[in-house]
């Protein structure tokens, strides 16, 4: 999936778009990547002298991948709605992610109950788990800000 297709699937934009490439996609699973160049602004303060990707951004990247996974069914069933996170559970950080590293995000749709989607995510670097967690989201109307 190219960048234009990613931009069409979710509302996120630079500098907060955290998915570079879709590697694999089925109806219930998606695999994507994101490379952190080291030029991102957050590295200046997290942490000076030993920059790390903030854990919350690792979670956000995987949730964006999950939103891309859901974009197909939402376009058919709930046009104009976007997935919004409603909970995150059992987050386990296992490995730090540094500038120049690429995360591989695997997100699986575990269950769907009416308008709620329950997913599990795992992000790895060079085959080693960086973070794993479960999350849920629901489809909602995007708000217009003026």
N, C-alpha and C. Protein backbone atom coordinates (compact mmCIF):
# COMPACT_ATOMS: atom_id res chain seq x y z
N UNK A 1 0.85 -1.17 0.00
CA UNK A 1 0.00 0.00 0.00
C UNK A 1 0.90 1.24 0.00
N UNK A 2 0.67 2.15 -0.92
CA UNK A 2 1.54 3.33 -0.99
C UNK A 2 1.03 4.43 -0.06
N UNK A 3 1.81 5.49 0.04
CA UNK A 3 1.50 6.58 0.97
C UNK A 3 0.14 7.20 0.68
N UNK A 4 -0.22 7.38 -0.59
CA UNK A 4 -1.52 7.97 -0.92
C UNK A 4 -2.66 7.10 -0.39
N UNK A 5 -2.50 5.79 -0.47
CA UNK A 5 -3.53 4.89 0.04
C UNK A 5 -3.62 4.95 1.57
N UNK A 6 -2.48 5.09 2.23
CA UNK A 6 -2.47 5.25 3.69
C UNK A 6 -3.18 6.55 4.07
N UNK A 7 -2.88 7.64 3.36
CA UNK A 7 -3.51 8.93 3.64
C UNK A 7 -5.01 8.89 3.38
N UNK A 8 -5.44 8.09 2.42
CA UNK A 8 -6.88 7.96 2.15
C UNK A 8 -7.57 7.11 3.21
N UNK A 9 -6.84 6.24 3.87
CA UNK A 9 -7.43 5.31 4.83
C UNK A 9 -7.66 5.93 6.21
N UNK A 10 -6.76 6.82 6.64
CA UNK A 10 -6.87 7.41 7.98
C UNK A 10 -6.66 8.91 7.91
N UNK A 11 -7.17 9.65 8.90
CA UNK A 11 -7.05 11.11 8.86
C UNK A 11 -5.71 11.65 9.37
N UNK A 12 -4.83 10.83 9.87
CA UNK A 12 -3.56 11.29 10.44
C UNK A 12 -2.67 11.88 9.34
N UNK A 13 -1.92 12.90 9.69
CA UNK A 13 -1.02 13.58 8.76
C UNK A 13 0.30 13.89 9.47
N UNK A 14 1.32 14.18 8.67
CA UNK A 14 2.61 14.59 9.24
C UNK A 14 2.39 15.85 10.06
N UNK A 15 3.05 15.98 11.17
CA UNK A 15 4.13 15.12 11.66
C UNK A 15 3.65 13.97 12.53
N UNK A 16 2.34 13.70 12.53
CA UNK A 16 1.82 12.67 13.42
C UNK A 16 1.38 11.40 12.70
N UNK A 17 1.68 11.27 11.44
CA UNK A 17 1.43 10.03 10.73
C UNK A 17 2.58 9.07 11.07
N UNK A 18 2.26 7.95 11.68
CA UNK A 18 3.29 7.05 12.19
C UNK A 18 3.29 5.69 11.49
N UNK A 19 2.83 5.66 10.26
CA UNK A 19 2.88 4.46 9.43
C UNK A 19 3.53 4.84 8.11
N UNK A 20 4.61 4.16 7.75
CA UNK A 20 5.30 4.41 6.48
C UNK A 20 4.85 3.48 5.37
N UNK A 21 4.60 2.22 5.73
CA UNK A 21 4.35 1.21 4.70
C UNK A 21 3.46 0.10 5.25
N UNK A 22 2.57 -0.39 4.38
CA UNK A 22 1.78 -1.57 4.69
C UNK A 22 2.46 -2.75 4.00
N UNK A 23 2.86 -3.73 4.79
CA UNK A 23 3.57 -4.89 4.29
C UNK A 23 2.60 -6.00 3.90
N UNK A 24 1.57 -6.18 4.71
CA UNK A 24 0.61 -7.27 4.51
C UNK A 24 -0.73 -6.83 5.09
N UNK A 25 -1.81 -7.27 4.45
CA UNK A 25 -3.14 -6.91 4.95
C UNK A 25 -4.15 -7.97 4.56
N UNK A 26 -4.90 -8.44 5.55
CA UNK A 26 -6.04 -9.31 5.32
C UNK A 26 -7.25 -8.63 5.97
N UNK A 27 -8.37 -9.32 6.02
CA UNK A 27 -9.56 -8.74 6.67
C UNK A 27 -9.40 -8.63 8.18
N UNK A 28 -8.51 -9.44 8.76
CA UNK A 28 -8.39 -9.44 10.22
C UNK A 28 -6.98 -9.15 10.75
N UNK A 29 -6.04 -8.89 9.86
CA UNK A 29 -4.66 -8.64 10.31
C UNK A 29 -3.97 -7.66 9.36
N UNK A 30 -3.11 -6.84 9.95
CA UNK A 30 -2.29 -5.92 9.15
C UNK A 30 -0.88 -5.91 9.71
N UNK A 31 0.08 -5.79 8.82
CA UNK A 31 1.49 -5.66 9.20
C UNK A 31 2.01 -4.41 8.51
N UNK A 32 2.58 -3.50 9.27
CA UNK A 32 3.14 -2.27 8.71
C UNK A 32 4.46 -1.93 9.37
N UNK A 33 5.12 -0.94 8.78
CA UNK A 33 6.41 -0.50 9.32
C UNK A 33 6.44 1.02 9.49
N UNK A 34 7.32 1.44 10.36
CA UNK A 34 7.62 2.86 10.56
C UNK A 34 9.09 2.95 10.93
N UNK A 35 9.81 3.80 10.20
CA UNK A 35 11.21 4.06 10.52
C UNK A 35 11.32 5.42 11.18
N UNK A 36 11.97 5.47 12.32
CA UNK A 36 12.21 6.73 13.03
C UNK A 36 13.58 7.24 12.61
N UNK A 37 13.60 8.34 11.89
CA UNK A 37 14.83 8.85 11.27
C UNK A 37 15.83 9.39 12.28
N UNK A 38 15.33 9.89 13.39
CA UNK A 38 16.19 10.57 14.35
C UNK A 38 16.03 12.08 14.24
N UNK A 39 15.36 12.54 13.20
CA UNK A 39 15.13 13.98 13.01
C UNK A 39 13.82 14.45 13.63
N UNK A 40 13.03 13.53 14.15
CA UNK A 40 11.77 13.91 14.77
C UNK A 40 12.03 14.81 15.99
N UNK A 41 11.19 15.82 16.15
CA UNK A 41 11.38 16.81 17.22
C UNK A 41 11.41 16.20 18.62
N UNK A 42 10.66 15.15 18.86
CA UNK A 42 10.58 14.61 20.22
C UNK A 42 11.90 14.07 20.71
N UNK A 43 12.80 13.68 19.80
CA UNK A 43 14.09 13.15 20.23
C UNK A 43 14.94 14.18 20.97
N UNK A 44 14.72 15.47 20.70
CA UNK A 44 15.50 16.52 21.37
C UNK A 44 15.27 16.52 22.88
N UNK A 45 14.08 16.12 23.31
CA UNK A 45 13.81 16.15 24.74
C UNK A 45 13.53 14.80 25.36
N UNK A 46 13.61 13.74 24.57
CA UNK A 46 13.27 12.40 25.09
C UNK A 46 14.31 11.38 24.65
N UNK A 47 15.38 11.25 25.23
CA UNK A 47 16.03 12.00 26.29
C UNK A 47 17.30 12.61 25.70
N UNK A 48 17.65 13.84 26.09
CA UNK A 48 18.88 14.44 25.56
C UNK A 48 20.10 13.56 25.88
N UNK A 49 20.88 13.29 24.86
CA UNK A 49 22.06 12.46 25.04
C UNK A 49 21.80 10.97 24.88
N UNK A 50 20.54 10.54 25.00
CA UNK A 50 20.18 9.14 24.82
C UNK A 50 18.75 9.08 24.29
N UNK A 51 18.56 9.51 23.03
CA UNK A 51 17.19 9.63 22.50
C UNK A 51 16.49 8.29 22.35
N UNK A 52 15.20 8.30 22.74
CA UNK A 52 14.33 7.12 22.65
C UNK A 52 12.99 7.53 22.05
N UNK A 53 12.37 6.62 21.33
CA UNK A 53 11.00 6.84 20.88
C UNK A 53 10.10 6.68 22.10
N UNK A 54 9.27 7.69 22.41
CA UNK A 54 8.37 7.55 23.55
C UNK A 54 7.44 6.36 23.39
N UNK A 55 7.23 5.64 24.47
CA UNK A 55 6.37 4.46 24.44
C UNK A 55 4.96 4.76 23.96
N UNK A 56 4.44 5.91 24.32
CA UNK A 56 3.10 6.26 23.89
C UNK A 56 3.03 6.39 22.36
N UNK A 57 4.12 6.80 21.73
CA UNK A 57 4.14 6.89 20.27
C UNK A 57 4.24 5.51 19.62
N UNK A 58 4.89 4.58 20.29
CA UNK A 58 4.90 3.20 19.79
C UNK A 58 3.49 2.63 19.80
N UNK A 59 2.75 2.92 20.85
CA UNK A 59 1.35 2.48 20.92
C UNK A 59 0.52 3.18 19.86
N UNK A 60 0.69 4.47 19.71
CA UNK A 60 -0.07 5.24 18.71
C UNK A 60 0.20 4.71 17.30
N UNK A 61 1.43 4.39 17.00
CA UNK A 61 1.75 3.88 15.66
C UNK A 61 0.98 2.59 15.38
N UNK A 62 0.95 1.69 16.35
CA UNK A 62 0.22 0.43 16.16
C UNK A 62 -1.28 0.68 16.06
N UNK A 63 -1.79 1.64 16.81
CA UNK A 63 -3.22 1.93 16.73
C UNK A 63 -3.56 2.57 15.38
N UNK A 64 -2.66 3.35 14.81
CA UNK A 64 -2.88 3.87 13.46
C UNK A 64 -2.93 2.72 12.45
N UNK A 65 -2.06 1.75 12.63
CA UNK A 65 -2.10 0.57 11.76
C UNK A 65 -3.45 -0.13 11.90
N UNK A 66 -3.94 -0.23 13.12
CA UNK A 66 -5.25 -0.82 13.35
C UNK A 66 -6.36 -0.03 12.67
N UNK A 67 -6.24 1.29 12.67
CA UNK A 67 -7.23 2.14 11.99
C UNK A 67 -7.22 1.88 10.49
N UNK A 68 -6.04 1.67 9.93
CA UNK A 68 -5.95 1.35 8.50
C UNK A 68 -6.63 0.00 8.24
N UNK A 69 -6.39 -0.96 9.13
CA UNK A 69 -7.03 -2.27 8.99
C UNK A 69 -8.55 -2.13 8.94
N UNK A 70 -9.10 -1.28 9.80
CA UNK A 70 -10.55 -1.12 9.87
C UNK A 70 -11.12 -0.24 8.78
N UNK A 71 -10.29 0.51 8.10
CA UNK A 71 -10.79 1.49 7.13
C UNK A 71 -11.65 0.87 6.03
N UNK A 72 -11.34 -0.34 5.62
CA UNK A 72 -12.11 -0.99 4.57
C UNK A 72 -13.53 -1.27 4.99
N UNK A 73 -13.71 -1.89 6.17
CA UNK A 73 -15.08 -2.21 6.59
C UNK A 73 -15.84 -0.95 6.99
N UNK A 74 -15.16 0.05 7.55
CA UNK A 74 -15.85 1.28 7.91
C UNK A 74 -16.32 2.05 6.68
N UNK A 75 -15.54 2.02 5.62
CA UNK A 75 -15.94 2.71 4.39
C UNK A 75 -17.24 2.12 3.85
N UNK A 76 -17.42 0.82 4.01
CA UNK A 76 -18.63 0.16 3.52
C UNK A 76 -19.79 0.29 4.50
N UNK A 77 -19.51 0.11 5.79
CA UNK A 77 -20.57 0.04 6.78
C UNK A 77 -20.89 1.37 7.45
N UNK A 78 -19.90 2.24 7.57
CA UNK A 78 -20.09 3.51 8.27
C UNK A 78 -19.31 4.61 7.56
N UNK A 79 -19.72 4.94 6.33
CA UNK A 79 -18.97 5.93 5.57
C UNK A 79 -18.85 7.26 6.32
N UNK A 80 -17.66 7.83 6.27
CA UNK A 80 -17.41 9.11 6.92
C UNK A 80 -16.98 9.00 8.37
N UNK A 81 -17.10 7.82 8.96
CA UNK A 81 -16.69 7.65 10.35
C UNK A 81 -15.23 7.20 10.42
N UNK A 82 -14.60 7.54 11.54
CA UNK A 82 -13.20 7.16 11.75
C UNK A 82 -13.08 6.41 13.08
N UNK A 83 -12.15 5.46 13.17
CA UNK A 83 -11.98 4.75 14.43
C UNK A 83 -11.24 5.62 15.45
N UNK A 84 -11.73 5.58 16.69
CA UNK A 84 -11.12 6.32 17.79
C UNK A 84 -10.88 5.35 18.94
N UNK A 85 -9.71 5.39 19.52
CA UNK A 85 -9.37 4.49 20.62
C UNK A 85 -10.27 4.76 21.82
N UNK A 86 -10.74 3.68 22.43
CA UNK A 86 -11.57 3.79 23.63
C UNK A 86 -10.91 3.17 24.85
N UNK A 87 -9.95 2.30 24.63
CA UNK A 87 -9.21 1.74 25.76
C UNK A 87 -7.93 1.09 25.27
N UNK A 88 -7.00 0.98 26.20
CA UNK A 88 -5.73 0.29 25.95
C UNK A 88 -5.43 -0.51 27.21
N UNK A 89 -5.07 -1.78 27.02
CA UNK A 89 -4.89 -2.69 28.16
C UNK A 89 -3.58 -3.44 28.06
N UNK A 90 -3.10 -3.84 29.22
CA UNK A 90 -1.99 -4.78 29.34
C UNK A 90 -0.79 -4.39 28.47
N UNK A 91 -0.37 -3.15 28.57
CA UNK A 91 0.78 -2.67 27.79
C UNK A 91 2.06 -3.20 28.41
N UNK A 92 2.88 -3.80 27.58
CA UNK A 92 4.18 -4.34 28.03
C UNK A 92 5.28 -3.81 27.14
N UNK A 93 6.13 -2.97 27.69
CA UNK A 93 7.29 -2.47 26.95
C UNK A 93 8.45 -3.41 27.22
N UNK A 94 9.04 -3.93 26.16
CA UNK A 94 10.08 -4.95 26.29
C UNK A 94 11.45 -4.49 25.80
N UNK A 95 11.46 -3.49 24.91
CA UNK A 95 12.71 -3.05 24.28
C UNK A 95 12.60 -1.59 23.91
N UNK A 96 13.66 -0.83 24.14
CA UNK A 96 13.67 0.57 23.73
C UNK A 96 13.85 0.67 22.22
N UNK A 97 13.28 1.71 21.63
CA UNK A 97 13.42 1.98 20.20
C UNK A 97 14.20 3.28 20.06
N UNK A 98 15.25 3.22 19.27
CA UNK A 98 16.19 4.34 19.13
C UNK A 98 16.08 4.96 17.74
N UNK A 99 16.64 6.17 17.57
CA UNK A 99 16.67 6.80 16.25
C UNK A 99 17.32 5.89 15.21
N UNK A 100 16.74 5.87 14.01
CA UNK A 100 17.26 5.07 12.93
C UNK A 100 16.68 3.66 12.86
N UNK A 101 15.91 3.27 13.88
CA UNK A 101 15.36 1.92 13.90
C UNK A 101 13.97 1.89 13.25
N UNK A 102 13.63 0.72 12.73
CA UNK A 102 12.34 0.49 12.09
C UNK A 102 11.53 -0.46 12.94
N UNK A 103 10.29 -0.05 13.25
CA UNK A 103 9.40 -0.96 13.96
C UNK A 103 8.51 -1.67 12.94
N UNK A 104 8.22 -2.91 13.25
CA UNK A 104 7.28 -3.72 12.45
C UNK A 104 6.07 -3.96 13.35
N UNK A 105 4.94 -3.44 12.92
CA UNK A 105 3.73 -3.51 13.72
C UNK A 105 2.80 -4.58 13.17
N UNK A 106 2.37 -5.48 14.02
CA UNK A 106 1.39 -6.50 13.66
C UNK A 106 0.16 -6.27 14.51
N UNK A 107 -0.96 -6.01 13.85
CA UNK A 107 -2.21 -5.73 14.57
C UNK A 107 -3.27 -6.70 14.06
N UNK A 108 -3.96 -7.32 15.00
CA UNK A 108 -4.97 -8.31 14.66
C UNK A 108 -6.31 -7.93 15.27
N UNK A 109 -7.36 -8.01 14.47
CA UNK A 109 -8.72 -7.83 14.95
C UNK A 109 -9.13 -9.12 15.64
N UNK A 110 -9.35 -9.05 16.94
CA UNK A 110 -9.66 -10.24 17.74
C UNK A 110 -11.16 -10.48 17.81
N UNK A 111 -11.91 -9.40 17.98
CA UNK A 111 -13.36 -9.53 18.14
C UNK A 111 -14.04 -8.23 17.75
N UNK A 112 -15.26 -8.37 17.26
CA UNK A 112 -16.07 -7.21 16.95
C UNK A 112 -17.43 -7.41 17.59
N UNK A 113 -17.83 -6.44 18.40
CA UNK A 113 -19.13 -6.46 19.04
C UNK A 113 -19.86 -5.18 18.65
N UNK A 114 -20.83 -5.31 17.77
CA UNK A 114 -21.57 -4.16 17.27
C UNK A 114 -20.58 -3.14 16.71
N UNK A 115 -20.51 -1.94 17.29
CA UNK A 115 -19.61 -0.91 16.79
C UNK A 115 -18.26 -0.86 17.47
N UNK A 116 -17.96 -1.84 18.31
CA UNK A 116 -16.67 -1.87 19.02
C UNK A 116 -15.75 -2.91 18.38
N UNK A 117 -14.50 -2.53 18.25
CA UNK A 117 -13.48 -3.39 17.66
C UNK A 117 -12.40 -3.65 18.71
N UNK A 118 -12.10 -4.91 18.97
CA UNK A 118 -11.09 -5.29 19.95
C UNK A 118 -9.89 -5.87 19.21
N UNK A 119 -8.72 -5.32 19.51
CA UNK A 119 -7.52 -5.68 18.76
C UNK A 119 -6.35 -5.98 19.70
N UNK A 120 -5.38 -6.69 19.14
CA UNK A 120 -4.11 -6.88 19.85
C UNK A 120 -2.99 -6.44 18.92
N UNK A 121 -1.95 -5.89 19.52
CA UNK A 121 -0.85 -5.34 18.74
C UNK A 121 0.49 -5.79 19.31
N UNK A 122 1.44 -5.95 18.39
CA UNK A 122 2.82 -6.24 18.79
C UNK A 122 3.73 -5.50 17.81
N UNK A 123 4.67 -4.75 18.36
CA UNK A 123 5.67 -4.07 17.54
C UNK A 123 7.04 -4.63 17.87
N UNK A 124 7.81 -4.91 16.81
CA UNK A 124 9.13 -5.49 16.99
C UNK A 124 10.18 -4.66 16.25
N UNK A 125 11.41 -4.82 16.68
CA UNK A 125 12.57 -4.27 16.00
C UNK A 125 13.55 -5.42 15.83
N UNK A 126 13.91 -5.70 14.60
CA UNK A 126 14.83 -6.81 14.32
C UNK A 126 14.38 -8.11 14.98
N UNK A 127 13.06 -8.35 14.96
CA UNK A 127 12.52 -9.59 15.50
C UNK A 127 12.34 -9.62 17.00
N UNK A 128 12.74 -8.56 17.70
CA UNK A 128 12.61 -8.51 19.16
C UNK A 128 11.45 -7.59 19.54
N UNK A 129 10.61 -8.07 20.44
CA UNK A 129 9.43 -7.31 20.82
C UNK A 129 9.81 -6.02 21.53
N UNK A 130 9.25 -4.91 21.04
CA UNK A 130 9.43 -3.61 21.67
C UNK A 130 8.24 -3.30 22.58
N UNK A 131 7.03 -3.59 22.10
CA UNK A 131 5.82 -3.37 22.89
C UNK A 131 4.73 -4.32 22.41
N UNK A 132 3.89 -4.71 23.34
CA UNK A 132 2.70 -5.46 22.97
C UNK A 132 1.58 -4.99 23.89
N UNK A 133 0.36 -5.00 23.35
CA UNK A 133 -0.78 -4.52 24.12
C UNK A 133 -2.07 -4.89 23.42
N UNK A 134 -3.17 -4.66 24.10
CA UNK A 134 -4.51 -4.84 23.55
C UNK A 134 -5.19 -3.48 23.56
N UNK A 135 -6.08 -3.26 22.60
CA UNK A 135 -6.81 -2.00 22.60
C UNK A 135 -8.16 -2.19 21.94
N UNK A 136 -9.02 -1.21 22.17
CA UNK A 136 -10.35 -1.22 21.58
C UNK A 136 -10.61 0.14 20.97
N UNK A 137 -11.45 0.15 19.96
CA UNK A 137 -11.85 1.41 19.36
C UNK A 137 -13.28 1.30 18.86
N UNK A 138 -13.84 2.45 18.58
CA UNK A 138 -15.19 2.53 18.02
C UNK A 138 -15.20 3.56 16.92
N UNK A 139 -16.14 3.43 16.02
CA UNK A 139 -16.24 4.38 14.90
C UNK A 139 -17.07 5.58 15.33
N UNK A 140 -16.59 6.77 14.98
CA UNK A 140 -17.28 7.99 15.35
C UNK A 140 -17.21 9.01 14.22
N UNK A 141 -18.10 9.96 14.28
CA UNK A 141 -18.09 11.07 13.30
C UNK A 141 -16.93 12.00 13.64
N UNK A 142 -16.11 12.35 12.65
CA UNK A 142 -15.03 13.31 12.95
C UNK A 142 -15.63 14.69 13.22
N UNK A 143 -15.05 15.38 14.16
CA UNK A 143 -15.48 16.75 14.52
C UNK A 143 -14.78 17.74 13.60
N UNK A 144 -15.49 18.75 13.23
CA UNK A 144 -14.90 19.83 12.42
C UNK A 144 -14.49 20.97 13.35
N UNK A 145 -13.22 21.34 13.27
CA UNK A 145 -12.70 22.45 14.09
C UNK A 145 -12.53 23.66 13.22
N UNK A 146 -12.95 24.80 13.70
CA UNK A 146 -12.78 26.06 12.94
C UNK A 146 -11.96 27.04 13.71
